[in-house]
Amino acid sequence: ALDAKRAAIRAHVSQIPADSFFVALPDEAFALALGT
């Protein structure tokens, strides 16, 4: 579900900059941080 989760996080544009560290993580790192 990580594509949908990342897109949903990005939808909160007032709170989360487009270049936010966690949003910008490559897929493998994003999965490590937020995949569970």
All heavy atoms as atom14 arrays in JSON, in Angstrom:
{
  "sequence": "ALDAKRAAIRAHVSQIPADSFFVALPDEAFALALGT",
  "atom14_mask": [
    [1, 1, 1, 1, 1, 0, 0, 0, 0, 0, 0, 0, 0, 0],
    [1, 1, 1, 1, 1, 1, 1, 1, 0, 0, 0, 0, 0, 0],
    [1, 1, 1, 1, 1, 1, 1, 1, 0, 0, 0, 0, 0, 0],
    [1, 1, 1, 1, 1, 0, 0, 0, 0, 0, 0, 0, 0, 0],
    [1, 1, 1, 1, 1, 1, 1, 1, 1, 0, 0, 0, 0, 0],
    [1, 1, 1, 1, 1, 1, 1, 1, 1, 1, 1, 0, 0, 0],
    [1, 1, 1, 1, 1, 0, 0, 0, 0, 0, 0, 0, 0, 0],
    [1, 1, 1, 1, 1, 0, 0, 0, 0, 0, 0, 0, 0, 0],
    [1, 1, 1, 1, 1, 1, 1, 1, 0, 0, 0, 0, 0, 0],
    [1, 1, 1, 1, 1, 1, 1, 1, 1, 1, 1, 0, 0, 0],
    [1, 1, 1, 1, 1, 0, 0, 0, 0, 0, 0, 0, 0, 0],
    [1, 1, 1, 1, 1, 1, 1, 1, 1, 1, 0, 0, 0, 0],
    [1, 1, 1, 1, 1, 1, 1, 0, 0, 0, 0, 0, 0, 0],
    [1, 1, 1, 1, 1, 1, 0, 0, 0, 0, 0, 0, 0, 0],
    [1, 1, 1, 1, 1, 1, 1, 1, 1, 0, 0, 0, 0, 0],
    [1, 1, 1, 1, 1, 1, 1, 1, 0, 0, 0, 0, 0, 0],
    [1, 1, 1, 1, 1, 1, 1, 0, 0, 0, 0, 0, 0, 0],
    [1, 1, 1, 1, 1, 0, 0, 0, 0, 0, 0, 0, 0, 0],
    [1, 1, 1, 1, 1, 1, 1, 1, 0, 0, 0, 0, 0, 0],
    [1, 1, 1, 1, 1, 1, 0, 0, 0, 0, 0, 0, 0, 0],
    [1, 1, 1, 1, 1, 1, 1, 1, 1, 1, 1, 0, 0, 0],
    [1, 1, 1, 1, 1, 1, 1, 1, 1, 1, 1, 0, 0, 0],
    [1, 1, 1, 1, 1, 1, 1, 0, 0, 0, 0, 0, 0, 0],
    [1, 1, 1, 1, 1, 0, 0, 0, 0, 0, 0, 0, 0, 0],
    [1, 1, 1, 1, 1, 1, 1, 1, 0, 0, 0, 0, 0, 0],
    [1, 1, 1, 1, 1, 1, 1, 0, 0, 0, 0, 0, 0, 0],
    [1, 1, 1, 1, 1, 1, 1, 1, 0, 0, 0, 0, 0, 0],
    [1, 1, 1, 1, 1, 1, 1, 1, 1, 0, 0, 0, 0, 0],
    [1, 1, 1, 1, 1, 0, 0, 0, 0, 0, 0, 0, 0, 0],
    [1, 1, 1, 1, 1, 1, 1, 1, 1, 1, 1, 0, 0, 0],
    [1, 1, 1, 1, 1, 0, 0, 0, 0, 0, 0, 0, 0, 0],
    [1, 1, 1, 1, 1, 1, 1, 1, 0, 0, 0, 0, 0, 0],
    [1, 1, 1, 1, 1, 0, 0, 0, 0, 0, 0, 0, 0, 0],
    [1, 1, 1, 1, 1, 1, 1, 1, 0, 0, 0, 0, 0, 0],
    [1, 1, 1, 1, 0, 0, 0, 0, 0, 0, 0, 0, 0, 0],
    [1, 1, 1, 1, 1, 1, 1, 0, 0, 0, 0, 0, 0, 0]
  ],
  "atom14_positions": [
    [[0.81, -1.22, 0.0], [0.0, 0.0, 0.0], [0.84, 1.27, 0.0], [0.29, 2.36, 0.13], [-0.92, -0.01, 1.23], [0.0, 0.0, 0.0], [0.0, 0.0, 0.0], [0.0, 0.0, 0.0], [0.0, 0.0, 0.0], [0.0, 0.0, 0.0], [0.0, 0.0, 0.0], [0.0, 0.0, 0.0], [0.0, 0.0, 0.0], [0.0, 0.0, 0.0]],
    [[2.15, 1.14, -0.14], [3.02, 2.3, 0.06], [2.85, 3.39, -0.98], [3.02, 4.58, -0.66], [4.49, 1.86, 0.15], [4.88, 1.19, 1.47], [6.38, 0.89, 1.48], [4.52, 2.06, 2.66], [0.0, 0.0, 0.0], [0.0, 0.0, 0.0], [0.0, 0.0, 0.0], [0.0, 0.0, 0.0], [0.0, 0.0, 0.0], [0.0, 0.0, 0.0]],
    [[2.49, 3.06, -2.2], [2.25, 4.12, -3.18], [1.06, 4.98, -2.74], [1.12, 6.22, -2.81], [1.97, 3.52, -4.56], [3.22, 2.98, -5.24], [4.34, 3.29, -4.77], [3.08, 2.24, -6.23], [0.0, 0.0, 0.0], [0.0, 0.0, 0.0], [0.0, 0.0, 0.0], [0.0, 0.0, 0.0], [0.0, 0.0, 0.0], [0.0, 0.0, 0.0]],
    [[0.01, 4.32, -2.28], [-1.17, 5.06, -1.8], [-0.85, 5.82, -0.52], [-1.28, 6.97, -0.35], [-2.33, 4.1, -1.57], [0.0, 0.0, 0.0], [0.0, 0.0, 0.0], [0.0, 0.0, 0.0], [0.0, 0.0, 0.0], [0.0, 0.0, 0.0], [0.0, 0.0, 0.0], [0.0, 0.0, 0.0], [0.0, 0.0, 0.0], [0.0, 0.0, 0.0]],
    [[-0.07, 5.21, 0.35], [0.28, 5.87, 1.61], [1.12, 7.12, 1.35], [0.87, 8.18, 1.93], [1.02, 4.9, 2.53], [1.43, 5.51, 3.87], [1.9, 4.45, 4.85], [2.32, 5.08, 6.18], [2.55, 4.08, 7.24], [0.0, 0.0, 0.0], [0.0, 0.0, 0.0], [0.0, 0.0, 0.0], [0.0, 0.0, 0.0], [0.0, 0.0, 0.0]],
    [[2.11, 7.01, 0.48], [2.95, 8.16, 0.17], [2.13, 9.27, -0.49], [2.27, 10.45, -0.16], [4.11, 7.76, -0.74], [5.23, 8.82, -0.77], [6.2, 8.61, -1.92], [6.91, 7.37, -1.92], [8.22, 7.22, -1.6], [8.93, 8.27, -1.21], [8.79, 6.04, -1.66], [0.0, 0.0, 0.0], [0.0, 0.0, 0.0], [0.0, 0.0, 0.0]],
    [[1.21, 8.88, -1.4], [0.36, 9.87, -2.05], [-0.55, 10.56, -1.03], [-0.79, 11.78, -1.12], [-0.48, 9.2, -3.13], [0.0, 0.0, 0.0], [0.0, 0.0, 0.0], [0.0, 0.0, 0.0], [0.0, 0.0, 0.0], [0.0, 0.0, 0.0], [0.0, 0.0, 0.0], [0.0, 0.0, 0.0], [0.0, 0.0, 0.0], [0.0, 0.0, 0.0]],
    [[-1.06, 9.8, -0.06], [-1.92, 10.38, 0.96], [-1.15, 11.34, 1.86], [-1.66, 12.4, 2.25], [-2.57, 9.27, 1.79], [0.0, 0.0, 0.0], [0.0, 0.0, 0.0], [0.0, 0.0, 0.0], [0.0, 0.0, 0.0], [0.0, 0.0, 0.0], [0.0, 0.0, 0.0], [0.0, 0.0, 0.0], [0.0, 0.0, 0.0], [0.0, 0.0, 0.0]],
    [[0.08, 10.99, 2.21], [0.91, 11.89, 3.0], [1.15, 13.18, 2.22], [1.03, 14.29, 2.76], [2.25, 11.21, 3.35], [2.02, 10.04, 4.32], [3.23, 12.22, 3.97], [3.25, 9.18, 4.55], [0.0, 0.0, 0.0], [0.0, 0.0, 0.0], [0.0, 0.0, 0.0], [0.0, 0.0, 0.0], [0.0, 0.0, 0.0], [0.0, 0.0, 0.0]],
    [[1.46, 13.05, 0.94], [1.71, 14.22, 0.11], [0.47, 15.1, -0.04], [0.58, 16.3, -0.31], [2.19, 13.78, -1.27], [3.65, 13.33, -1.3], [4.03, 12.83, -2.68], [5.48, 12.63, -2.79], [6.06, 11.81, -3.65], [5.31, 11.11, -4.49], [7.37, 11.69, -3.69], [0.0, 0.0, 0.0], [0.0, 0.0, 0.0], [0.0, 0.0, 0.0]],
    [[-0.71, 14.51, 0.11], [-1.95, 15.28, -0.03], [-2.06, 16.36, 1.05], [-2.77, 17.34, 0.86], [-3.16, 14.35, 0.02], [0.0, 0.0, 0.0], [0.0, 0.0, 0.0], [0.0, 0.0, 0.0], [0.0, 0.0, 0.0], [0.0, 0.0, 0.0], [0.0, 0.0, 0.0], [0.0, 0.0, 0.0], [0.0, 0.0, 0.0], [0.0, 0.0, 0.0]],
    [[-1.36, 16.18, 2.15], [-1.41, 17.16, 3.24], [-0.36, 18.24, 2.98], [0.63, 18.39, 3.7], [-1.19, 16.46, 4.59], [-2.3, 15.53, 4.95], [-3.48, 15.98, 5.5], [-2.43, 14.19, 4.8], [-4.29, 14.95, 5.7], [-3.69, 13.86, 5.29], [0.0, 0.0, 0.0], [0.0, 0.0, 0.0], [0.0, 0.0, 0.0], [0.0, 0.0, 0.0]],
    [[-0.59, 19.0, 1.92], [0.44, 19.9, 1.4], [0.76, 21.05, 2.36], [1.87, 21.58, 2.32], [0.02, 20.47, 0.03], [-0.02, 19.37, -1.01], [-1.34, 21.16, 0.11], [0.0, 0.0, 0.0], [0.0, 0.0, 0.0], [0.0, 0.0, 0.0], [0.0, 0.0, 0.0], [0.0, 0.0, 0.0], [0.0, 0.0, 0.0], [0.0, 0.0, 0.0]],
    [[-0.17, 21.46, 3.21], [0.14, 22.55, 4.14], [1.1, 22.1, 5.23], [1.86, 22.91, 5.77], [-1.15, 23.09, 4.78], [-1.72, 22.13, 5.67], [0.0, 0.0, 0.0], [0.0, 0.0, 0.0], [0.0, 0.0, 0.0], [0.0, 0.0, 0.0], [0.0, 0.0, 0.0], [0.0, 0.0, 0.0], [0.0, 0.0, 0.0], [0.0, 0.0, 0.0]],
    [[1.09, 20.81, 5.55], [1.88, 20.3, 6.66], [3.19, 19.67, 6.24], [4.14, 19.62, 7.02], [1.06, 19.23, 7.42], [-0.31, 19.71, 7.87], [-0.2, 20.89, 8.79], [0.39, 20.81, 9.87], [-0.76, 22.03, 8.38], [0.0, 0.0, 0.0], [0.0, 0.0, 0.0], [0.0, 0.0, 0.0], [0.0, 0.0, 0.0], [0.0, 0.0, 0.0]],
    [[3.24, 19.16, 5.02], [4.37, 18.33, 4.62], [4.95, 18.87, 3.31], [4.34, 18.73, 2.24], [3.93, 16.87, 4.45], [3.35, 16.35, 5.78], [5.11, 16.0, 4.01], [2.63, 15.03, 5.67], [0.0, 0.0, 0.0], [0.0, 0.0, 0.0], [0.0, 0.0, 0.0], [0.0, 0.0, 0.0], [0.0, 0.0, 0.0], [0.0, 0.0, 0.0]],
    [[6.11, 19.51, 3.37], [6.72, 20.05, 2.14], [6.98, 18.96, 1.12], [7.19, 17.79, 1.47], [8.04, 20.66, 2.65], [7.83, 20.88, 4.12], [6.92, 19.78, 4.57], [0.0, 0.0, 0.0], [0.0, 0.0, 0.0], [0.0, 0.0, 0.0], [0.0, 0.0, 0.0], [0.0, 0.0, 0.0], [0.0, 0.0, 0.0], [0.0, 0.0, 0.0]],
    [[6.98, 19.34, -0.15], [7.19, 18.36, -1.22], [8.55, 17.67, -1.09], [8.72, 16.53, -1.53], [7.07, 19.06, -2.57], [0.0, 0.0, 0.0], [0.0, 0.0, 0.0], [0.0, 0.0, 0.0], [0.0, 0.0, 0.0], [0.0, 0.0, 0.0], [0.0, 0.0, 0.0], [0.0, 0.0, 0.0], [0.0, 0.0, 0.0], [0.0, 0.0, 0.0]],
    [[9.52, 18.38, -0.51], [10.85, 17.79, -0.35], [11.09, 17.27, 1.06], [12.23, 17.07, 1.48], [11.93, 18.82, -0.71], [11.86, 20.06, 0.17], [10.9, 20.2, 0.97], [12.78, 20.9, 0.07], [0.0, 0.0, 0.0], [0.0, 0.0, 0.0], [0.0, 0.0, 0.0], [0.0, 0.0, 0.0], [0.0, 0.0, 0.0], [0.0, 0.0, 0.0]],
    [[10.01, 17.03, 1.8], [10.13, 16.48, 3.15], [10.97, 15.21, 3.14], [10.86, 14.38, 2.22], [8.74, 16.17, 3.71], [8.82, 15.43, 4.91], [0.0, 0.0, 0.0], [0.0, 0.0, 0.0], [0.0, 0.0, 0.0], [0.0, 0.0, 0.0], [0.0, 0.0, 0.0], [0.0, 0.0, 0.0], [0.0, 0.0, 0.0], [0.0, 0.0, 0.0]],
    [[11.8, 15.03, 4.14], [12.75, 13.92, 4.19], [12.06, 12.58, 3.96], [12.45, 11.8, 3.08], [13.48, 13.92, 5.54], [14.44, 12.78, 5.73], [15.71, 12.83, 5.19], [14.06, 11.64, 6.43], [16.6, 11.77, 5.35], [14.93, 10.59, 6.61], [16.21, 10.65, 6.05], [0.0, 0.0, 0.0], [0.0, 0.0, 0.0], [0.0, 0.0, 0.0]],
    [[11.01, 12.29, 4.74], [10.39, 10.97, 4.65], [9.64, 10.77, 3.35], [9.64, 9.69, 2.77], [9.48, 10.72, 5.86], [10.23, 10.36, 7.11], [10.45, 11.29, 8.1], [10.75, 9.09, 7.26], [11.17, 10.96, 9.24], [11.47, 8.74, 8.4], [11.68, 9.69, 9.39], [0.0, 0.0, 0.0], [0.0, 0.0, 0.0], [0.0, 0.0, 0.0]],
    [[9.0, 11.82, 2.85], [8.28, 11.71, 1.59], [9.24, 11.48, 0.43], [8.94, 10.77, -0.53], [7.43, 12.97, 1.34], [6.83, 12.95, -0.06], [6.3, 13.06, 2.37], [0.0, 0.0, 0.0], [0.0, 0.0, 0.0], [0.0, 0.0, 0.0], [0.0, 0.0, 0.0], [0.0, 0.0, 0.0], [0.0, 0.0, 0.0], [0.0, 0.0, 0.0]],
    [[10.44, 12.08, 0.52], [11.41, 11.99, -0.56], [12.27, 10.73, -0.52], [13.06, 10.49, -1.43], [12.33, 13.22, -0.52], [0.0, 0.0, 0.0], [0.0, 0.0, 0.0], [0.0, 0.0, 0.0], [0.0, 0.0, 0.0], [0.0, 0.0, 0.0], [0.0, 0.0, 0.0], [0.0, 0.0, 0.0], [0.0, 0.0, 0.0], [0.0, 0.0, 0.0]],
    [[12.13, 9.91, 0.5], [12.95, 8.7, 0.61], [12.75, 7.78, -0.59], [11.64, 7.65, -1.1], [12.57, 7.93, 1.88], [13.05, 8.48, 3.22], [12.41, 7.71, 4.36], [14.57, 8.41, 3.33], [0.0, 0.0, 0.0], [0.0, 0.0, 0.0], [0.0, 0.0, 0.0], [0.0, 0.0, 0.0], [0.0, 0.0, 0.0], [0.0, 0.0, 0.0]],
    [[13.81, 7.13, -1.04], [13.64, 6.11, -2.09], [12.78, 4.96, -1.55], [12.62, 4.8, -0.34], [15.07, 5.66, -2.38], [15.85, 6.02, -1.15], [15.21, 7.26, -0.61], [0.0, 0.0, 0.0], [0.0, 0.0, 0.0], [0.0, 0.0, 0.0], [0.0, 0.0, 0.0], [0.0, 0.0, 0.0], [0.0, 0.0, 0.0], [0.0, 0.0, 0.0]],
    [[12.23, 4.17, -2.46], [11.23, 3.17, -2.08], [11.69, 2.24, -0.97], [10.94, 1.97, -0.03], [10.82, 2.35, -3.3], [10.02, 3.15, -4.32], [9.58, 4.27, -3.97], [9.85, 2.67, -5.46], [0.0, 0.0, 0.0], [0.0, 0.0, 0.0], [0.0, 0.0, 0.0], [0.0, 0.0, 0.0], [0.0, 0.0, 0.0], [0.0, 0.0, 0.0]],
    [[12.92, 1.72, -1.07], [13.4, 0.76, -0.08], [13.49, 1.4, 1.3], [13.11, 0.8, 2.32], [14.77, 0.21, -0.49], [15.28, -0.89, 0.42], [16.62, -1.45, -0.02], [17.17, -0.96, -1.03], [17.12, -2.36, 0.65], [0.0, 0.0, 0.0], [0.0, 0.0, 0.0], [0.0, 0.0, 0.0], [0.0, 0.0, 0.0], [0.0, 0.0, 0.0]],
    [[13.96, 2.64, 1.36], [14.08, 3.34, 2.64], [12.69, 3.72, 3.18], [12.44, 3.64, 4.38], [14.94, 4.58, 2.48], [0.0, 0.0, 0.0], [0.0, 0.0, 0.0], [0.0, 0.0, 0.0], [0.0, 0.0, 0.0], [0.0, 0.0, 0.0], [0.0, 0.0, 0.0], [0.0, 0.0, 0.0], [0.0, 0.0, 0.0], [0.0, 0.0, 0.0]],
    [[11.8, 4.13, 2.28], [10.44, 4.47, 2.69], [9.76, 3.24, 3.29], [9.04, 3.34, 4.3], [9.65, 4.98, 1.49], [8.31, 5.58, 1.83], [8.22, 6.83, 2.43], [7.14, 4.9, 1.54], [6.98, 7.39, 2.73], [5.9, 5.45, 1.82], [5.82, 6.7, 2.43], [0.0, 0.0, 0.0], [0.0, 0.0, 0.0], [0.0, 0.0, 0.0]],
    [[10.0, 2.08, 2.7], [9.43, 0.84, 3.23], [10.01, 0.51, 4.6], [9.29, 0.03, 5.49], [9.68, -0.3, 2.26], [0.0, 0.0, 0.0], [0.0, 0.0, 0.0], [0.0, 0.0, 0.0], [0.0, 0.0, 0.0], [0.0, 0.0, 0.0], [0.0, 0.0, 0.0], [0.0, 0.0, 0.0], [0.0, 0.0, 0.0], [0.0, 0.0, 0.0]],
    [[11.3, 0.76, 4.79], [11.92, 0.51, 6.09], [11.31, 1.39, 7.16], [11.03, 0.95, 8.28], [13.43, 0.75, 6.0], [14.23, 0.59, 7.3], [14.13, -0.84, 7.83], [15.69, 0.98, 7.09], [0.0, 0.0, 0.0], [0.0, 0.0, 0.0], [0.0, 0.0, 0.0], [0.0, 0.0, 0.0], [0.0, 0.0, 0.0], [0.0, 0.0, 0.0]],
    [[11.08, 2.65, 6.82], [10.57, 3.61, 7.8], [9.07, 3.46, 8.05], [8.61, 3.54, 9.19], [10.88, 5.04, 7.34], [0.0, 0.0, 0.0], [0.0, 0.0, 0.0], [0.0, 0.0, 0.0], [0.0, 0.0, 0.0], [0.0, 0.0, 0.0], [0.0, 0.0, 0.0], [0.0, 0.0, 0.0], [0.0, 0.0, 0.0], [0.0, 0.0, 0.0]],
    [[8.3, 3.25, 6.97], [6.84, 3.34, 7.08], [6.11, 2.13, 6.49], [4.89, 2.18, 6.33], [6.35, 4.61, 6.38], [6.86, 5.93, 6.97], [6.47, 7.11, 6.08], [6.31, 6.15, 8.37], [0.0, 0.0, 0.0], [0.0, 0.0, 0.0], [0.0, 0.0, 0.0], [0.0, 0.0, 0.0], [0.0, 0.0, 0.0], [0.0, 0.0, 0.0]],
    [[6.83, 1.06, 6.23], [6.23, -0.11, 5.6], [5.56, -1.08, 6.55], [4.99, -2.09, 6.11], [0.0, 0.0, 0.0], [0.0, 0.0, 0.0], [0.0, 0.0, 0.0], [0.0, 0.0, 0.0], [0.0, 0.0, 0.0], [0.0, 0.0, 0.0], [0.0, 0.0, 0.0], [0.0, 0.0, 0.0], [0.0, 0.0, 0.0], [0.0, 0.0, 0.0]],
    [[5.61, -0.79, 7.84], [4.9, -1.6, 8.83], [4.13, -0.67, 9.74], [4.64, 0.4, 10.12], [5.87, -2.45, 9.68], [6.68, -3.26, 8.82], [5.12, -3.36, 10.64], [0.0, 0.0, 0.0], [0.0, 0.0, 0.0], [0.0, 0.0, 0.0], [0.0, 0.0, 0.0], [0.0, 0.0, 0.0], [0.0, 0.0, 0.0], [0.0, 0.0, 0.0]]
  ]
}
